[in-house]
N, C-alpha and C. Protein backbone atom coordinates (compact mmCIF):
# COMPACT_ATOMS: atom_id res chain seq x y z
N MET A 1 -13.61 -5.36 -17.03
CA MET A 1 -13.14 -6.64 -16.54
C MET A 1 -13.80 -7.02 -15.21
N ALA A 2 -14.00 -6.03 -14.36
CA ALA A 2 -14.59 -6.31 -13.06
C ALA A 2 -16.02 -6.83 -13.22
N THR A 3 -16.76 -6.28 -14.17
CA THR A 3 -18.13 -6.75 -14.38
C THR A 3 -18.13 -8.16 -14.95
N ARG A 4 -17.15 -8.45 -15.78
CA ARG A 4 -17.05 -9.79 -16.34
C ARG A 4 -16.74 -10.81 -15.26
N GLN A 5 -15.84 -10.48 -14.34
CA GLN A 5 -15.52 -11.38 -13.23
C GLN A 5 -16.74 -11.59 -12.34
N LYS A 6 -17.47 -10.52 -12.09
CA LYS A 6 -18.68 -10.66 -11.27
C LYS A 6 -19.68 -11.58 -11.95
N GLY A 7 -19.79 -11.45 -13.25
CA GLY A 7 -20.71 -12.30 -14.00
C GLY A 7 -20.30 -13.76 -13.93
N VAL A 8 -19.00 -14.01 -14.04
CA VAL A 8 -18.49 -15.38 -13.97
C VAL A 8 -18.70 -15.95 -12.58
N GLN A 9 -18.42 -15.15 -11.56
CA GLN A 9 -18.61 -15.61 -10.18
C GLN A 9 -20.08 -15.89 -9.91
N ARG A 10 -20.94 -15.04 -10.42
CA ARG A 10 -22.39 -15.24 -10.23
C ARG A 10 -22.84 -16.53 -10.90
N ALA A 11 -22.36 -16.76 -12.11
CA ALA A 11 -22.72 -17.98 -12.84
C ALA A 11 -22.22 -19.22 -12.10
N GLU A 12 -21.01 -19.16 -11.55
CA GLU A 12 -20.48 -20.30 -10.79
C GLU A 12 -21.32 -20.55 -9.55
N ARG A 13 -21.71 -19.48 -8.88
CA ARG A 13 -22.52 -19.62 -7.66
C ARG A 13 -23.89 -20.21 -7.98
N ILE A 14 -24.48 -19.77 -9.08
CA ILE A 14 -25.78 -20.31 -9.49
C ILE A 14 -25.65 -21.80 -9.81
N GLY A 15 -24.59 -22.17 -10.51
CA GLY A 15 -24.37 -23.59 -10.82
C GLY A 15 -24.17 -24.42 -9.58
N GLN A 16 -23.44 -23.86 -8.62
CA GLN A 16 -23.21 -24.56 -7.37
C GLN A 16 -24.53 -24.77 -6.62
N LEU A 17 -25.36 -23.74 -6.57
CA LEU A 17 -26.65 -23.87 -5.89
C LEU A 17 -27.54 -24.91 -6.57
N ARG A 18 -27.50 -24.95 -7.88
CA ARG A 18 -28.30 -25.94 -8.62
C ARG A 18 -27.83 -27.35 -8.31
N ARG A 19 -26.52 -27.53 -8.27
CA ARG A 19 -25.99 -28.87 -7.95
C ARG A 19 -26.37 -29.28 -6.53
N GLN A 20 -26.30 -28.34 -5.59
CA GLN A 20 -26.68 -28.64 -4.21
C GLN A 20 -28.16 -29.01 -4.12
N ARG A 21 -29.00 -28.28 -4.84
CA ARG A 21 -30.43 -28.56 -4.83
C ARG A 21 -30.71 -29.94 -5.42
N LYS A 22 -30.03 -30.26 -6.50
CA LYS A 22 -30.21 -31.56 -7.15
C LYS A 22 -29.79 -32.69 -6.21
N LEU A 23 -28.66 -32.52 -5.53
CA LEU A 23 -28.18 -33.53 -4.60
C LEU A 23 -29.14 -33.68 -3.41
N SER A 24 -29.66 -32.57 -2.95
CA SER A 24 -30.61 -32.60 -1.83
C SER A 24 -31.88 -33.36 -2.21
N LYS A 25 -32.39 -33.09 -3.39
CA LYS A 25 -33.59 -33.80 -3.85
C LYS A 25 -33.33 -35.29 -3.99
N GLN A 26 -32.16 -35.64 -4.51
CA GLN A 26 -31.80 -37.04 -4.68
C GLN A 26 -31.74 -37.74 -3.31
N THR A 27 -31.17 -37.07 -2.33
CA THR A 27 -31.07 -37.62 -0.98
C THR A 27 -32.46 -37.83 -0.39
N GLN A 28 -33.35 -36.86 -0.60
CA GLN A 28 -34.71 -36.98 -0.08
C GLN A 28 -35.43 -38.17 -0.70
N VAL A 29 -35.26 -38.35 -2.00
CA VAL A 29 -35.91 -39.47 -2.68
C VAL A 29 -35.38 -40.79 -2.14
N GLU A 30 -34.06 -40.88 -1.95
CA GLU A 30 -33.47 -42.10 -1.41
C GLU A 30 -34.01 -42.40 -0.01
N ASN A 31 -34.15 -41.37 0.82
CA ASN A 31 -34.66 -41.56 2.17
C ASN A 31 -36.11 -42.03 2.15
N ARG A 32 -36.91 -41.45 1.26
CA ARG A 32 -38.32 -41.89 1.16
C ARG A 32 -38.41 -43.34 0.72
N LEU A 33 -37.58 -43.73 -0.24
CA LEU A 33 -37.59 -45.11 -0.71
C LEU A 33 -37.16 -46.07 0.39
N LYS A 34 -36.16 -45.67 1.17
CA LYS A 34 -35.69 -46.51 2.27
C LYS A 34 -36.78 -46.67 3.33
N GLN A 35 -37.46 -45.57 3.66
CA GLN A 35 -38.52 -45.63 4.64
C GLN A 35 -39.66 -46.52 4.16
N ALA A 36 -40.01 -46.42 2.88
CA ALA A 36 -41.07 -47.25 2.32
C ALA A 36 -40.68 -48.72 2.37
N LYS A 37 -39.42 -49.00 2.07
CA LYS A 37 -38.92 -50.38 2.10
C LYS A 37 -38.98 -50.94 3.52
N ASP A 38 -38.54 -50.13 4.49
CA ASP A 38 -38.57 -50.57 5.89
C ASP A 38 -40.00 -50.80 6.37
N LYS A 39 -40.89 -49.92 5.97
CA LYS A 39 -42.30 -50.05 6.38
C LYS A 39 -42.91 -51.32 5.80
N LYS A 40 -42.61 -51.59 4.52
CA LYS A 40 -43.14 -52.78 3.88
C LYS A 40 -42.62 -54.04 4.56
N LYS A 41 -41.33 -54.02 4.89
CA LYS A 41 -40.73 -55.18 5.57
C LYS A 41 -41.39 -55.41 6.93
N MET A 42 -41.61 -54.32 7.67
CA MET A 42 -42.25 -54.43 8.98
C MET A 42 -43.66 -54.98 8.85
N LEU A 43 -44.42 -54.50 7.88
CA LEU A 43 -45.79 -54.96 7.70
C LEU A 43 -45.84 -56.44 7.32
N THR A 44 -44.89 -56.89 6.50
CA THR A 44 -44.88 -58.31 6.14
C THR A 44 -44.55 -59.17 7.36
N GLU A 45 -43.63 -58.68 8.21
CA GLU A 45 -43.31 -59.42 9.43
C GLU A 45 -44.50 -59.48 10.38
N VAL A 46 -45.23 -58.39 10.48
CA VAL A 46 -46.42 -58.37 11.34
C VAL A 46 -47.47 -59.33 10.79
N GLN A 47 -47.64 -59.34 9.47
CA GLN A 47 -48.61 -60.27 8.88
C GLN A 47 -48.21 -61.72 9.12
N LYS A 48 -46.91 -62.01 9.02
CA LYS A 48 -46.44 -63.37 9.31
C LYS A 48 -46.75 -63.74 10.75
N PHE A 49 -46.57 -62.81 11.67
CA PHE A 49 -46.85 -63.08 13.07
C PHE A 49 -48.35 -63.34 13.28
N ARG A 50 -49.17 -62.53 12.64
CA ARG A 50 -50.63 -62.70 12.79
C ARG A 50 -51.10 -64.04 12.23
N LYS A 51 -50.49 -64.48 11.14
CA LYS A 51 -50.89 -65.74 10.53
C LYS A 51 -50.33 -66.94 11.27
N GLY A 52 -49.38 -66.70 12.17
CA GLY A 52 -48.82 -67.80 12.93
C GLY A 52 -47.52 -68.34 12.36
N VAL A 53 -47.02 -67.76 11.32
CA VAL A 53 -45.76 -68.22 10.73
C VAL A 53 -44.61 -67.89 11.68
N ARG A 54 -44.65 -66.69 12.24
CA ARG A 54 -43.65 -66.27 13.23
C ARG A 54 -44.24 -66.45 14.62
N LYS A 55 -43.43 -66.95 15.53
CA LYS A 55 -43.90 -67.16 16.89
C LYS A 55 -43.42 -66.07 17.85
N ASP A 56 -42.44 -65.28 17.43
CA ASP A 56 -41.89 -64.28 18.33
C ASP A 56 -41.95 -62.89 17.67
N LEU A 57 -41.74 -61.88 18.50
CA LEU A 57 -41.74 -60.50 18.02
C LEU A 57 -40.33 -59.90 18.05
N ASN A 58 -39.33 -60.73 17.84
CA ASN A 58 -37.95 -60.26 17.91
C ASN A 58 -37.62 -59.23 16.84
N PHE A 59 -38.35 -59.25 15.73
CA PHE A 59 -38.07 -58.29 14.67
C PHE A 59 -38.35 -56.86 15.13
N LEU A 60 -39.21 -56.70 16.12
CA LEU A 60 -39.47 -55.36 16.67
C LEU A 60 -38.27 -54.86 17.46
N ASP A 61 -37.63 -55.74 18.21
CA ASP A 61 -36.46 -55.34 19.00
C ASP A 61 -35.27 -55.05 18.11
N GLY A 62 -35.13 -55.75 17.01
CA GLY A 62 -34.00 -55.56 16.12
C GLY A 62 -33.95 -54.16 15.53
N ASP A 63 -35.09 -53.59 15.17
CA ASP A 63 -35.12 -52.25 14.61
C ASP A 63 -34.77 -51.20 15.64
N LYS A 64 -35.16 -51.41 16.89
CA LYS A 64 -34.83 -50.46 17.93
C LYS A 64 -33.33 -50.45 18.21
N GLU A 65 -32.73 -51.62 18.17
CA GLU A 65 -31.29 -51.71 18.39
C GLU A 65 -30.52 -51.03 17.25
N LYS A 66 -30.97 -51.21 16.02
CA LYS A 66 -30.30 -50.59 14.89
C LYS A 66 -30.39 -49.08 14.98
N SER A 67 -31.55 -48.55 15.32
CA SER A 67 -31.70 -47.10 15.41
C SER A 67 -30.90 -46.53 16.59
N GLY A 68 -30.73 -47.30 17.64
CA GLY A 68 -29.96 -46.85 18.78
C GLY A 68 -28.48 -46.77 18.47
N GLN A 69 -27.99 -47.62 17.58
CA GLN A 69 -26.57 -47.61 17.24
C GLN A 69 -26.22 -46.45 16.34
N LYS A 70 -27.15 -45.96 15.56
CA LYS A 70 -26.89 -44.85 14.65
C LYS A 70 -26.74 -43.62 15.47
């Protein structure tokens, strides 16, 4: 019985580690997508400024304020 309990505990631990790894990978993917989205948004704003559509650089200050609040 003791060996059976150890086997069950080991299987539960392995399953737990797999779930943690899966969640970690999912979080990493979400973070990469968010960073890519933010970068794309910043580049489009910079292009608008270069073309003369935007007259100010306030979008640069907005990101610094957001990161400071976190």
